[in-house]
């Protein structure tokens, strides 16, 4: 991987920058822009991220937003539960763990009426 980071370097404000005092970038229409994400990362954690870290995180954030702007299949449609025999437990924080269908933990979760019970989607409409 090519090293795109700067070392022992200061990037000064451009000669044609339109402001004489720094401004905090603002989201547009409730959506974080590239400068907002960059500002938040660098200002909240000075000397933590490299240029590569910031550029990649901005890219990942924008791709995530684009990805979730479209409808996505939920994990009920995953082959883990449809084909491979794995139950997926979501805890109160939405974090997940896998449980083998033959395990005691799976059986306990299946019988736990304090949590919502749903099935993985069927592979076919038959039977």
Protein backbone atom coordinates (compact mmCIF):
# COMPACT_ATOMS: atom_id res chain seq x y z
CA UNK A 1 0.00 0.00 0.00
CA UNK A 2 1.30 3.42 -0.94
CA UNK A 3 2.04 5.75 1.99
CA UNK A 4 0.00 8.91 1.41
CA UNK A 5 0.64 10.46 4.82
CA UNK A 6 2.54 13.67 5.51
CA UNK A 7 5.31 13.72 8.10
CA UNK A 8 6.68 16.78 9.96
CA UNK A 9 4.53 18.99 7.70
CA UNK A 10 2.14 21.91 8.26
CA UNK A 11 -0.62 22.60 5.73
CA UNK A 12 -1.34 26.32 5.92
CA UNK A 13 -4.60 27.97 4.84
CA UNK A 14 -4.85 28.67 1.09
CA UNK A 15 -4.00 32.18 -0.13
CA UNK A 16 -7.53 32.60 -1.49
CA UNK A 17 -9.34 31.24 1.60
CA UNK A 18 -12.45 33.47 2.02
CA UNK A 19 -12.36 33.74 5.84
CA UNK A 20 -9.98 35.54 8.15
CA UNK A 21 -11.11 33.53 11.21
CA UNK A 22 -11.66 29.77 11.30
CA UNK A 23 -15.24 28.48 11.03
CA UNK A 24 -16.57 25.10 12.13
CA UNK A 25 -18.02 23.28 9.08
CA UNK A 26 -21.77 22.61 9.32
CA UNK A 27 -23.91 19.75 8.03
CA UNK A 28 -26.11 20.57 5.05
CA UNK A 29 -29.72 19.50 5.30
CA UNK A 30 -28.86 17.36 8.31
CA UNK A 31 -26.22 15.46 6.32
CA UNK A 32 -22.57 15.53 7.36
CA UNK A 33 -20.33 16.76 4.57
CA UNK A 34 -16.72 15.71 3.98
CA UNK A 35 -15.34 18.78 5.81
CA UNK A 36 -17.64 18.11 8.78
CA UNK A 37 -16.43 14.52 9.15
CA UNK A 38 -12.79 15.58 8.73
CA UNK A 39 -13.17 18.41 11.26
CA UNK A 40 -14.88 16.17 13.83
CA UNK A 41 -12.25 13.44 13.58
CA UNK A 42 -9.21 15.69 13.73
CA UNK A 43 -10.47 18.24 16.27
CA UNK A 44 -11.82 15.64 18.71
CA UNK A 45 -8.69 13.49 18.61
CA UNK A 46 -5.59 15.57 17.87
CA UNK A 47 -2.52 13.59 16.79
CA UNK A 48 -4.44 10.29 16.72
CA UNK A 49 -5.27 9.85 13.02
CA UNK A 50 -3.05 9.90 9.94
CA UNK A 51 -4.17 11.44 6.67
CA UNK A 52 -4.88 7.92 5.38
CA UNK A 53 -7.08 7.22 8.42
CA UNK A 54 -9.14 10.36 7.88
CA UNK A 55 -9.51 9.91 4.12
CA UNK A 56 -10.59 6.29 4.52
CA UNK A 57 -13.04 7.05 7.35
CA UNK A 58 -14.68 9.79 5.27
CA UNK A 59 -14.99 7.38 2.35
CA UNK A 60 -16.42 4.65 4.61
CA UNK A 61 -18.94 7.04 6.21
CA UNK A 62 -20.19 8.26 2.84
CA UNK A 63 -20.41 4.71 1.46
CA UNK A 64 -22.30 3.58 4.56
CA UNK A 65 -24.82 6.39 4.12
CA UNK A 66 -25.24 5.50 0.45
CA UNK A 67 -25.56 1.79 1.26
CA UNK A 68 -28.29 2.31 3.87
CA UNK A 69 -30.20 4.83 1.76
CA UNK A 70 -31.44 1.80 -0.19
CA UNK A 71 -33.54 -1.04 1.17
CA UNK A 72 -31.42 -3.95 2.46
CA UNK A 73 -32.31 -7.54 3.27
CA UNK A 74 -32.23 -8.22 7.01
CA UNK A 75 -30.33 -11.08 8.60
CA UNK A 76 -33.51 -13.19 8.63
CA UNK A 77 -32.63 -13.72 4.94
CA UNK A 78 -29.03 -14.75 5.72
CA UNK A 79 -27.82 -18.23 4.82
CA UNK A 80 -26.53 -18.50 8.39
CA UNK A 81 -30.06 -19.24 9.59
CA UNK A 82 -31.52 -20.57 6.34
CA UNK A 83 -28.82 -23.06 5.43
CA UNK A 84 -26.01 -23.31 7.99
CA UNK A 85 -27.90 -23.81 11.28
CA UNK A 86 -26.93 -20.69 13.17
CA UNK A 87 -29.33 -18.71 15.34
CA UNK A 88 -28.54 -15.00 15.66
CA UNK A 89 -29.20 -13.34 19.02
CA UNK A 90 -29.40 -9.55 19.23
CA UNK A 91 -28.89 -8.20 22.75
CA UNK A 92 -30.53 -5.09 24.23
CA UNK A 93 -27.86 -2.93 22.54
CA UNK A 94 -28.46 -4.54 19.13
CA UNK A 95 -25.14 -6.41 19.24
CA UNK A 96 -25.19 -9.94 17.85
CA UNK A 97 -23.83 -13.39 18.61
CA UNK A 98 -24.21 -16.73 16.83
CA UNK A 99 -25.55 -19.91 18.44
CA UNK A 100 -25.39 -23.39 16.88
CA UNK A 101 -28.82 -24.97 16.49
CA UNK A 102 -27.70 -28.03 18.50
CA UNK A 103 -26.35 -26.02 21.45
CA UNK A 104 -27.86 -25.66 24.92
CA UNK A 105 -27.54 -21.86 24.57
CA UNK A 106 -29.65 -21.95 21.38
CA UNK A 107 -32.34 -23.99 23.16
CA UNK A 108 -32.39 -21.55 26.10
CA UNK A 109 -32.71 -18.54 23.79
CA UNK A 110 -35.47 -20.29 21.84
CA UNK A 111 -37.45 -20.78 25.06
CA UNK A 112 -36.78 -17.29 26.45
CA UNK A 113 -40.13 -15.47 26.23
CA UNK A 114 -38.60 -12.20 27.43
CA UNK A 115 -37.08 -11.69 23.96
CA UNK A 116 -38.83 -11.38 20.62
CA UNK A 117 -38.81 -14.65 18.67
CA UNK A 118 -38.63 -14.63 14.85
CA UNK A 119 -37.58 -17.31 12.36
CA UNK A 120 -35.10 -17.10 9.52
CA UNK A 121 -36.89 -16.84 6.19
CA UNK A 122 -37.64 -20.05 4.36
CA UNK A 123 -35.48 -20.91 1.37
CA UNK A 124 -38.51 -21.81 -0.72
CA UNK A 125 -42.24 -21.28 -0.59
CA UNK A 126 -42.97 -25.02 -0.78
CA UNK A 127 -44.07 -27.14 2.21
